[in-house]
Amino acid sequence: MNKEEPVTPAGRLFLQEEGNQVINCIINAKYPISIESVKAEIENSILIQHPRFQSVIVRSKNGREYWRRGDVNLDKHIFLIQDIGSSDMLSDDEIVNGYLADLTVSSPLSTDKPLWELHILKDQNCVVLRIHHALGDGVSLMSLILAMCRKVDHPDQLPTIPKNNTQSTSSSRISMWEMIWRLVMTIWLSFVYGMGFLLRSLCLKDAKSKISGGHGVELWPRKLATARFKLDDMKSVKNAVLNATINDVLFGVIASGLSRYLDHHQTTDTKPKEGLQITGIAMVNLRQQPGLQDMPNLVKNNTVTSWWGNKFAFILLPIHPHKNVGNDPLQYVKNAKDMIDKKKLSLEAHLTYAIGKLVMSLFGPKVSFSLSNRVFCNTSFTISNVVGPQEEIMFGGNPITSFRATSSSLPHALTMHMVSYAGKAEMQILVAKDIIPDPQFLAKCFEDALLEMKEASSVKT
């Protein structure tokens, strides 16, 4: 890597002053955390060797951003946070969520040092790793964290990298006509979804609902709550619907949970329409190797941009929360699967990535940010899902009890990020509190939706 390296198009987008995006990863530990031991681990970790975590942002005379390598002073990156929970009525999770909610709106990272920080919440046995989105996406961050950890059962071994179990249909059993039909559908669906994305960036907007955000909402105060799921429950539901995936189940839970929440808040004056559509934005990993990356091997590669960074695109996921599903809660998952299968068949993710890259190259980051921001203003929520390790791991000999993640606030009033770890999944629900004042209730709506689906799957089997 040269002394200075141009920032990627996606990185330039996240560096815009109006859209300064920071990923906050919350890691809870089993035992008390020592700031000295954390510094010692970081000094010898793969993080400190990573070029991006040694680099500051510099700008040329024409405004072009570059990474410039330099020295790292850990005292400017690692902070001990104490006495943030003054009420005995709050749990540690509520204290941490309150602290993170404030960070998502009012605490950008300083640009006079590499764009990352580690906050140690000593009283809550918790660390918060904050990295600027210009450095990388959620998959990059989780891969880096795993490279710094070890297995609890085998302290000398790195965690196992989870692999995505993608289902594929054997091409030998597909007839020529079926192949032609799939090709026609791919072209048609790509055109339809591509045009839909363009219209969202221009004028097409979701109808007003209880969870609607909009331009400027990213500056509003936030609340943060956590929805907790058992992966075994999600797998039971997945197995009850033919060829379903965990993402199908997750999106079915989102649709059912939002239906419950909107029904709870409806009045005679705000009774929702049967055809109400709420559109979400989901992030899709575009890497050739799906899932988390083998960081210890990749870091030896001199070309950082070939494996690290923001390798994702957006797709639009519409739901109809008041669509009649009868007495079958699994219908939410079936509806989600039908829609997501069409998205997978299309090239929507690649088209949205290409559109964003083209706009960036032709008009620069300000116009590109303006268009992407309009997509967020014209939709209703954000959802992401990162698969973490399914075995217990530790950092510096201290076992990790949970992973959670959230990001800086967006024009959406509702942002959801789910991370799975060791048999459970935790979804951080970040809301604009003046629009959605009760995120804990919304979290319960999602949790109850999954439990109802699990009961239905048990009856079905």
Protein backbone atom coordinates (compact mmCIF):
# COMPACT_ATOMS: atom_id res chain seq x y z
CA MET A 1 0.00 0.00 0.00
CA ASN A 2 1.27 3.48 -0.91
CA LYS A 3 1.58 6.32 1.58
CA GLU A 4 -1.67 7.71 0.21
CA GLU A 5 -4.48 5.71 -1.34
CA PRO A 6 -7.73 7.08 -2.81
CA VAL A 7 -10.87 6.47 -0.79
CA THR A 8 -13.35 4.18 -2.58
CA PRO A 9 -16.60 5.61 -4.02
CA ALA A 10 -18.63 4.09 -1.17
CA GLY A 11 -16.19 5.51 1.36
CA ARG A 12 -16.51 9.00 -0.17
CA LEU A 13 -20.29 8.72 0.14
CA PHE A 14 -20.09 7.94 3.87
CA LEU A 15 -17.64 10.81 4.44
CA GLN A 16 -20.15 13.45 3.39
CA GLU A 17 -20.82 15.83 6.27
CA GLU A 18 -24.59 15.30 6.04
CA GLY A 19 -24.27 11.52 6.19
CA ASN A 20 -21.40 10.78 8.56
CA GLN A 21 -22.07 7.09 9.23
CA VAL A 22 -20.49 5.22 12.17
CA ILE A 23 -20.96 1.53 12.97
CA ASN A 24 -21.22 0.82 16.70
CA CYS A 25 -20.53 -2.78 17.71
CA ILE A 26 -21.44 -3.64 21.31
CA ILE A 27 -19.55 -6.55 22.87
CA ASN A 28 -20.55 -7.77 26.32
CA ALA A 29 -18.00 -9.69 28.40
CA LYS A 30 -18.50 -12.26 31.15
CA TYR A 31 -15.94 -10.79 33.56
CA PRO A 32 -14.86 -7.22 34.48
CA ILE A 33 -12.85 -5.47 31.78
CA SER A 34 -9.45 -3.91 32.40
CA ILE A 35 -8.43 -1.00 30.17
CA GLU A 36 -4.76 -2.05 30.48
CA SER A 37 -5.48 -5.58 29.26
CA VAL A 38 -7.59 -4.25 26.39
CA LYS A 39 -4.76 -1.94 25.28
CA ALA A 40 -2.28 -4.81 25.47
CA GLU A 41 -4.53 -7.01 23.32
CA ILE A 42 -5.13 -4.24 20.76
CA GLU A 43 -1.40 -3.49 20.49
CA ASN A 44 -0.75 -7.10 19.48
CA SER A 45 -3.88 -7.57 17.39
CA ILE A 46 -4.59 -7.69 13.70
CA LEU A 47 -6.56 -4.43 14.09
CA ILE A 48 -3.45 -2.35 14.73
CA GLN A 49 -1.74 -3.97 11.72
CA HIS A 50 -4.62 -3.13 9.42
CA PRO A 51 -3.77 -0.24 7.05
CA ARG A 52 -7.20 1.39 7.38
CA PHE A 53 -6.94 1.55 11.16
CA GLN A 54 -3.56 3.33 10.84
CA SER A 55 -4.76 5.92 8.31
CA VAL A 56 -6.27 9.38 8.54
CA ILE A 57 -8.39 11.13 5.93
CA VAL A 58 -6.70 13.87 3.93
CA ARG A 59 -8.18 15.92 1.11
CA SER A 60 -6.45 17.24 -1.98
CA LYS A 61 -6.93 20.77 -3.32
CA ASN A 62 -9.76 19.57 -5.56
CA GLY A 63 -11.55 17.91 -2.63
CA ARG A 64 -10.59 14.29 -3.37
CA GLU A 65 -10.26 12.14 -0.24
CA TYR A 66 -7.23 9.90 0.43
CA TRP A 67 -6.05 7.54 3.16
CA ARG A 68 -2.66 8.54 4.63
CA ARG A 69 -0.81 6.07 6.83
CA GLY A 70 0.58 7.25 10.16
CA ASP A 71 1.25 6.26 13.74
CA VAL A 72 -1.52 5.22 16.12
CA ASN A 73 -1.68 6.55 19.67
CA LEU A 74 -4.01 4.16 21.52
CA ASP A 75 -4.65 6.76 24.24
CA LYS A 76 -6.54 8.78 21.63
CA HIS A 77 -8.67 5.78 20.63
CA ILE A 78 -9.46 3.84 23.80
CA PHE A 79 -11.63 5.51 26.44
CA LEU A 80 -12.85 4.42 29.84
CA ILE A 81 -16.50 5.37 30.37
CA GLN A 82 -17.86 5.33 33.93
CA ASP A 83 -20.89 6.54 35.88
CA ILE A 84 -23.28 6.66 32.93
CA GLY A 85 -26.14 4.90 34.72
CA SER A 86 -27.41 6.94 37.63
CA SER A 87 -30.74 5.16 38.08
CA ASP A 88 -31.08 1.91 40.01
CA MET A 89 -34.23 1.21 38.00
CA LEU A 90 -32.31 0.65 34.75
CA SER A 91 -30.68 -2.63 33.74
CA ASP A 92 -27.20 -2.74 32.27
CA ASP A 93 -28.67 -3.35 28.79
CA GLU A 94 -30.90 -0.28 29.13
CA ILE A 95 -27.95 1.83 30.26
CA VAL A 96 -25.83 0.67 27.32
CA ASN A 97 -28.70 1.21 24.86
CA GLY A 98 -29.23 4.73 26.23
CA TYR A 99 -25.53 5.50 25.84
CA LEU A 100 -25.54 4.16 22.27
CA ALA A 101 -28.71 6.04 21.35
CA ASP A 102 -26.98 9.32 22.21
CA LEU A 103 -23.87 8.35 20.22
CA THR A 104 -25.90 7.65 17.07
CA VAL A 105 -26.95 11.31 16.78
CA SER A 106 -24.43 13.54 18.50
CA SER A 107 -20.96 11.94 18.43
CA PRO A 108 -19.16 11.79 15.08
CA LEU A 109 -15.59 10.51 14.98
CA SER A 110 -12.76 13.05 14.92
CA THR A 111 -10.99 13.23 11.56
CA ASP A 112 -7.59 14.21 13.03
CA LYS A 113 -6.89 10.55 13.83
CA PRO A 114 -7.76 7.15 12.29
CA LEU A 115 -11.53 6.78 12.20
CA TRP A 116 -12.15 4.32 15.03
CA GLU A 117 -12.60 4.31 18.80
CA LEU A 118 -13.07 1.78 21.58
CA HIS A 119 -15.26 2.79 24.53
CA ILE A 120 -14.98 0.63 27.65
CA LEU A 121 -18.12 0.76 29.79
CA LYS A 122 -16.52 -0.69 32.89
CA ASP A 123 -19.58 -0.91 35.14
CA GLN A 124 -21.54 -2.76 32.45
CA ASN A 125 -18.72 -5.19 31.42
CA CYS A 126 -19.09 -3.92 27.88
CA VAL A 127 -16.97 -2.44 25.08
CA VAL A 128 -18.24 -0.42 22.14
CA LEU A 129 -16.11 -0.56 18.99
CA ARG A 130 -16.91 2.42 16.79
CA ILE A 131 -15.64 2.49 13.22
CA HIS A 132 -16.51 4.94 10.50
CA HIS A 133 -18.48 3.34 7.68
CA ALA A 134 -15.87 4.68 5.25
CA LEU A 135 -13.48 2.05 6.66
CA GLY A 136 -15.73 -0.91 5.95
CA ASP A 137 -19.14 -2.54 6.30
CA GLY A 138 -20.60 -4.89 8.90
CA VAL A 139 -19.11 -8.01 7.32
CA SER A 140 -15.63 -6.43 7.32
CA LEU A 141 -16.00 -5.37 10.96
CA MET A 142 -17.26 -8.75 12.21
CA SER A 143 -14.50 -10.56 10.30
CA LEU A 144 -11.91 -8.30 11.95
CA ILE A 145 -13.37 -8.88 15.42
CA LEU A 146 -13.28 -12.66 14.95
CA ALA A 147 -9.62 -12.46 13.94
CA MET A 148 -8.88 -10.86 17.33
CA CYS A 149 -10.75 -13.53 19.32
CA ARG A 150 -10.17 -17.16 20.25
CA LYS A 151 -12.43 -20.12 20.98
CA VAL A 152 -13.41 -20.57 24.63
CA ASP A 153 -13.03 -24.35 24.37
CA HIS A 154 -9.73 -24.11 22.45
CA PRO A 155 -7.91 -20.91 23.47
CA ASP A 156 -5.18 -21.47 20.89
CA GLN A 157 -7.61 -21.59 17.94
CA LEU A 158 -9.27 -18.83 15.95
CA PRO A 159 -13.09 -18.88 15.75
CA THR A 160 -14.64 -20.85 12.93
CA ILE A 161 -15.75 -18.63 10.07
CA PRO A 162 -19.49 -19.21 9.50
CA LYS A 163 -20.37 -20.08 5.93
CA ASN A 164 -23.58 -19.19 4.14
CA ASN A 165 -25.55 -22.27 3.18
CA THR A 166 -26.80 -21.20 -0.20
CA GLN A 167 -29.22 -23.52 -1.90
CA SER A 168 -28.70 -24.15 -5.56
CA THR A 169 -30.71 -26.06 -8.07
CA SER A 170 -28.86 -28.63 -10.11
CA SER A 171 -28.53 -27.29 -13.63
CA SER A 172 -28.57 -30.85 -15.02
CA ARG A 173 -32.23 -31.16 -14.01
CA ILE A 174 -33.33 -27.87 -15.57
CA SER A 175 -34.69 -28.18 -19.06
CA MET A 176 -33.77 -25.78 -21.85
CA TRP A 177 -37.21 -24.12 -21.64
CA GLU A 178 -36.86 -23.66 -17.89
CA MET A 179 -33.45 -22.04 -18.39
CA ILE A 180 -34.91 -19.70 -21.02
CA TRP A 181 -37.82 -18.85 -18.73
CA ARG A 182 -35.47 -18.09 -15.81
CA LEU A 183 -33.41 -15.84 -18.09
CA VAL A 184 -36.53 -13.98 -19.23
CA MET A 185 -37.69 -13.55 -15.63
CA THR A 186 -34.23 -12.36 -14.57
CA ILE A 187 -34.25 -9.68 -17.26
CA TRP A 188 -37.83 -8.63 -16.53
CA LEU A 189 -37.48 -8.53 -12.74
CA SER A 190 -34.16 -6.69 -12.99
CA PHE A 191 -35.80 -4.07 -15.17
CA VAL A 192 -38.81 -3.70 -12.86
CA TYR A 193 -36.75 -3.49 -9.66
CA GLY A 194 -34.13 -1.25 -11.26
CA MET A 195 -36.82 1.20 -12.36
CA GLY A 196 -38.37 0.99 -8.91
CA PHE A 197 -35.08 2.00 -7.33
CA LEU A 198 -34.69 4.93 -9.74
CA LEU A 199 -38.23 6.12 -8.99
CA ARG A 200 -37.52 5.92 -5.24
CA SER A 201 -34.49 8.16 -5.74
CA LEU A 202 -36.65 10.69 -7.58
CA CYS A 203 -40.29 10.87 -6.51
CA LEU A 204 -41.96 7.60 -5.46
CA LYS A 205 -42.64 7.63 -1.72
CA ASP A 206 -44.25 5.35 0.87
CA ALA A 207 -47.65 6.45 2.15
CA LYS A 208 -47.58 8.13 5.57
CA SER A 209 -47.72 5.69 8.48
CA LYS A 210 -47.00 5.54 12.21
CA ILE A 211 -43.32 4.71 11.55
CA SER A 212 -42.62 7.16 8.70
CA GLY A 213 -39.46 9.27 8.86
CA GLY A 214 -38.20 11.76 6.30
CA HIS A 215 -35.68 14.47 5.54
CA GLY A 216 -34.10 15.84 8.73
CA VAL A 217 -35.28 12.98 10.95
CA GLU A 218 -31.67 11.76 11.15
CA LEU A 219 -31.04 14.70 13.53
CA TRP A 220 -33.90 13.84 15.90
CA PRO A 221 -33.21 12.29 19.35
CA ARG A 222 -33.07 8.49 19.44
CA LYS A 223 -34.11 5.56 21.60
CA LEU A 224 -32.64 2.07 21.33
CA ALA A 225 -34.15 -1.28 22.31
CA THR A 226 -33.13 -4.92 21.78
CA ALA A 227 -35.25 -7.77 20.42
CA ARG A 228 -33.87 -11.19 21.32
CA PHE A 229 -34.49 -14.42 19.43
CA LYS A 230 -33.37 -18.04 19.75
CA LEU A 231 -31.80 -19.32 16.56
CA ASP A 232 -33.41 -22.73 17.18
CA ASP A 233 -36.84 -21.02 17.09
CA MET A 234 -35.96 -19.36 13.78
CA LYS A 235 -34.72 -22.67 12.39
CA SER A 236 -37.94 -24.42 13.44
CA VAL A 237 -39.95 -21.85 11.50
CA LYS A 238 -37.54 -22.08 8.55
CA ASN A 239 -37.96 -25.87 8.39
CA ALA A 240 -41.75 -25.52 8.40
CA VAL A 241 -41.72 -23.52 5.15
CA LEU A 242 -40.36 -25.31 2.08
CA ASN A 243 -36.88 -24.07 1.05
CA ALA A 244 -37.08 -21.06 3.38
CA THR A 245 -34.00 -19.33 4.80
CA ILE A 246 -33.27 -17.51 8.06
CA ASN A 247 -33.55 -14.21 6.15
CA ASP A 248 -37.05 -15.24 4.98
CA VAL A 249 -37.99 -15.90 8.61
CA LEU A 250 -36.47 -12.61 9.77
CA PHE A 251 -38.39 -10.61 7.19
CA GLY A 252 -41.59 -12.52 7.99
CA VAL A 253 -41.05 -11.60 11.66
CA ILE A 254 -40.54 -7.94 10.68
CA ALA A 255 -43.79 -7.94 8.65
CA SER A 256 -45.80 -9.63 11.41
CA GLY A 257 -44.27 -7.47 14.16
CA LEU A 258 -44.96 -4.23 12.31
CA SER A 259 -48.54 -5.38 11.69
CA ARG A 260 -48.98 -5.93 15.45
CA TYR A 261 -47.41 -2.56 16.26
CA LEU A 262 -49.50 -0.59 13.75
CA ASP A 263 -52.70 -2.35 14.84
CA HIS A 264 -51.95 -1.49 18.47
CA HIS A 265 -51.55 2.21 17.67
CA GLN A 266 -54.43 2.60 15.23
CA THR A 267 -57.38 4.81 16.10
CA THR A 268 -60.64 5.49 14.31
CA ASP A 269 -58.95 8.45 12.62
CA THR A 270 -55.75 6.59 11.71
CA LYS A 271 -57.10 3.20 10.71
CA PRO A 272 -54.58 1.86 8.18
CA LYS A 273 -55.59 1.02 4.68
CA GLU A 274 -55.72 -2.63 3.64
CA GLY A 275 -53.27 -1.97 0.80
CA LEU A 276 -50.71 -0.01 2.83
CA GLN A 277 -47.17 -0.75 1.63
CA ILE A 278 -44.14 -0.15 3.84
CA THR A 279 -40.82 -0.38 2.05
CA GLY A 280 -37.58 -1.35 3.73
CA ILE A 281 -33.98 -1.05 2.57
CA ALA A 282 -31.81 -4.12 3.05
CA MET A 283 -28.05 -4.44 2.58
CA VAL A 284 -26.78 -7.26 0.35
CA ASN A 285 -23.19 -8.54 0.50
CA LEU A 286 -21.63 -8.53 -3.00
CA ARG A 287 -18.39 -10.37 -2.16
CA GLN A 288 -17.43 -13.42 -4.20
CA GLN A 289 -16.93 -15.26 -0.91
CA PRO A 290 -20.30 -14.94 0.89
CA GLY A 291 -20.52 -14.47 4.62
CA LEU A 292 -17.62 -13.50 6.89
CA GLN A 293 -14.08 -13.26 5.55
CA ASP A 294 -10.94 -15.17 6.57
CA MET A 295 -9.17 -12.07 7.87
CA PRO A 296 -5.81 -13.53 9.00
CA ASN A 297 -5.11 -14.78 5.48
CA LEU A 298 -6.57 -11.76 3.70
CA VAL A 299 -4.62 -9.19 5.72
CA LYS A 300 -1.41 -10.53 4.16
CA ASN A 301 -2.66 -9.26 0.81
CA ASN A 302 -1.08 -5.91 -0.06
CA THR A 303 -4.12 -4.78 -2.05
CA VAL A 304 -6.47 -3.82 0.76
CA THR A 305 -9.35 -2.77 -1.49
CA SER A 306 -9.53 -6.26 -3.01
CA TRP A 307 -10.99 -7.74 0.18
CA TRP A 308 -11.75 -4.96 2.67
CA GLY A 309 -14.25 -2.15 2.61
CA ASN A 310 -17.87 -1.61 1.65
CA LYS A 311 -18.80 -4.45 -0.67
CA PHE A 312 -22.57 -4.23 -0.47
CA ALA A 313 -25.59 -2.85 -2.28
CA PHE A 314 -29.17 -1.92 -1.43
CA ILE A 315 -32.35 -3.72 -2.35
CA LEU A 316 -35.90 -2.59 -1.65
CA LEU A 317 -38.11 -4.95 0.34
CA PRO A 318 -41.82 -3.99 0.32
CA ILE A 319 -44.22 -5.44 2.88
CA HIS A 320 -47.98 -5.14 3.31
CA PRO A 321 -48.50 -5.34 7.08
CA HIS A 322 -52.29 -5.43 6.86
CA LYS A 323 -52.52 -8.05 4.13
CA ASN A 324 -54.87 -10.81 5.21
CA VAL A 325 -52.93 -13.93 6.24
CA GLY A 326 -55.89 -15.78 7.73
CA ASN A 327 -55.12 -17.85 10.81
CA ASP A 328 -51.70 -18.96 9.60
CA PRO A 329 -48.83 -16.86 11.02
CA LEU A 330 -46.43 -18.79 8.77
CA GLN A 331 -48.04 -16.99 5.83
CA TYR A 332 -45.89 -13.97 6.70
CA VAL A 333 -42.78 -16.11 6.08
CA LYS A 334 -44.27 -17.57 2.88
CA ASN A 335 -45.04 -14.07 1.59
CA ALA A 336 -41.52 -12.92 2.50
CA LYS A 337 -39.96 -15.93 0.77
CA ASP A 338 -41.95 -15.36 -2.46
CA MET A 339 -40.81 -11.75 -2.58
CA ILE A 340 -37.17 -12.41 -1.63
CA ASP A 341 -36.91 -15.29 -4.15
CA LYS A 342 -37.82 -12.84 -6.90
CA LYS A 343 -35.22 -10.39 -5.60
CA LYS A 344 -32.57 -13.16 -5.69
CA LEU A 345 -33.52 -14.06 -9.26
CA SER A 346 -33.10 -10.45 -10.35
CA LEU A 347 -29.91 -8.41 -10.59
CA GLU A 348 -31.34 -5.60 -8.43
CA ALA A 349 -28.42 -5.47 -6.00
CA HIS A 350 -25.85 -5.28 -8.80
CA LEU A 351 -27.93 -2.66 -10.62
CA THR A 352 -28.26 -0.40 -7.57
CA TYR A 353 -24.52 -0.73 -6.96
CA ALA A 354 -23.79 0.12 -10.62
CA ILE A 355 -26.19 3.09 -10.56
CA GLY A 356 -24.54 4.47 -7.42
CA LYS A 357 -21.06 4.00 -8.86
CA LEU A 358 -22.04 5.67 -12.14
CA VAL A 359 -23.58 8.69 -10.41
CA MET A 360 -20.49 9.01 -8.20
CA SER A 361 -18.10 8.93 -11.18
CA LEU A 362 -20.15 11.40 -13.24
CA PHE A 363 -21.38 13.89 -10.62
CA GLY A 364 -19.30 13.35 -7.50
CA PRO A 365 -20.14 12.41 -3.90
CA LYS A 366 -22.53 15.28 -3.12
CA VAL A 367 -24.98 14.40 -5.89
CA SER A 368 -24.55 10.70 -5.17
CA PHE A 369 -25.33 11.26 -1.49
CA SER A 370 -28.34 13.42 -2.35
CA LEU A 371 -29.86 10.67 -4.52
CA SER A 372 -29.18 7.89 -2.01
CA ASN A 373 -30.56 10.06 0.79
CA ARG A 374 -33.78 10.53 -1.20
CA VAL A 375 -34.17 6.74 -1.34
CA PHE A 376 -34.01 6.66 2.47
CA CYS A 377 -36.42 9.60 2.76
CA ASN A 378 -38.90 7.87 0.44
CA THR A 379 -38.85 4.51 2.27
CA SER A 380 -39.71 3.53 5.84
CA PHE A 381 -37.04 1.41 7.52
CA THR A 382 -33.59 -0.20 7.27
CA ILE A 383 -32.78 -3.84 8.03
CA SER A 384 -29.48 -5.73 8.06
CA ASN A 385 -28.40 -9.17 9.27
CA VAL A 386 -24.81 -10.28 9.97
CA VAL A 387 -24.14 -13.91 10.83
CA GLY A 388 -21.67 -14.15 13.71
CA PRO A 389 -19.87 -17.17 15.18
CA GLN A 390 -22.05 -19.99 16.46
CA GLU A 391 -19.52 -21.05 19.10
CA GLU A 392 -18.53 -19.20 22.27
CA ILE A 393 -15.45 -17.04 21.81
CA MET A 394 -13.31 -14.78 24.00
CA PHE A 395 -11.18 -11.67 23.73
CA GLY A 396 -8.07 -11.46 25.87
CA GLY A 397 -9.21 -14.50 27.84
CA ASN A 398 -12.55 -12.89 28.73
CA PRO A 399 -15.55 -14.84 27.30
CA ILE A 400 -17.96 -12.81 25.16
CA THR A 401 -21.62 -13.13 26.13
CA SER A 402 -23.24 -11.17 23.29
CA PHE A 403 -22.74 -9.17 20.11
CA ARG A 404 -24.97 -6.31 19.04
CA ALA A 405 -24.63 -3.59 16.44
CA THR A 406 -26.23 -0.34 15.40
CA SER A 407 -25.28 2.62 13.22
CA SER A 408 -25.61 6.39 13.08
CA SER A 409 -29.14 7.68 12.68
CA LEU A 410 -30.71 7.88 9.21
CA PRO A 411 -33.75 9.70 7.75
CA HIS A 412 -35.65 6.53 8.68
CA ALA A 413 -37.45 6.64 12.02
CA LEU A 414 -36.78 2.88 12.32
CA THR A 415 -33.43 1.14 11.79
CA MET A 416 -32.83 -2.53 12.65
CA HIS A 417 -29.54 -4.45 12.75
CA MET A 418 -29.45 -8.13 13.73
CA VAL A 419 -26.32 -10.10 14.71
CA SER A 420 -26.37 -13.80 15.60
CA TYR A 421 -23.95 -15.40 18.06
CA ALA A 422 -23.75 -18.72 19.90
CA GLY A 423 -27.32 -19.87 19.31
CA LYS A 424 -29.07 -16.54 19.72
CA ALA A 425 -29.80 -13.47 17.64
CA GLU A 426 -30.12 -9.93 18.96
CA MET A 427 -31.64 -7.14 16.89
CA GLN A 428 -30.96 -3.53 17.81
CA ILE A 429 -34.00 -1.34 17.12
CA LEU A 430 -33.02 2.32 16.75
CA VAL A 431 -35.94 4.75 16.54
CA ALA A 432 -36.64 8.46 16.41
CA LYS A 433 -38.31 8.70 19.81
CA ASP A 434 -40.68 11.52 18.82
CA ILE A 435 -42.13 9.23 16.12
CA ILE A 436 -41.79 5.80 17.77
CA PRO A 437 -41.74 6.49 21.53
CA ASP A 438 -42.00 2.84 22.61
CA PRO A 439 -39.24 0.76 20.94
CA GLN A 440 -39.39 -1.79 23.81
CA PHE A 441 -42.98 -2.57 22.84
CA LEU A 442 -41.98 -2.83 19.17
CA ALA A 443 -39.22 -5.27 20.17
CA LYS A 444 -41.81 -7.38 22.02
CA CYS A 445 -44.02 -7.35 18.91
CA PHE A 446 -41.16 -8.94 16.95
CA GLU A 447 -40.38 -11.46 19.70
CA ASP A 448 -44.05 -12.48 20.03
CA ALA A 449 -44.35 -12.80 16.25
CA LEU A 450 -41.53 -15.37 16.18
CA LEU A 451 -42.97 -17.32 19.12
CA GLU A 452 -46.36 -17.47 17.40
CA MET A 453 -44.70 -18.74 14.22
CA LYS A 454 -42.79 -21.34 16.22
CA GLU A 455 -46.03 -22.62 17.77
CA ALA A 456 -47.61 -22.81 14.31
CA SER A 457 -44.60 -24.72 12.97
CA SER A 458 -44.84 -27.21 15.84
CA VAL A 459 -48.50 -27.87 15.02
CA LYS A 460 -47.66 -28.24 11.34
CA THR A 461 -44.92 -30.81 11.97
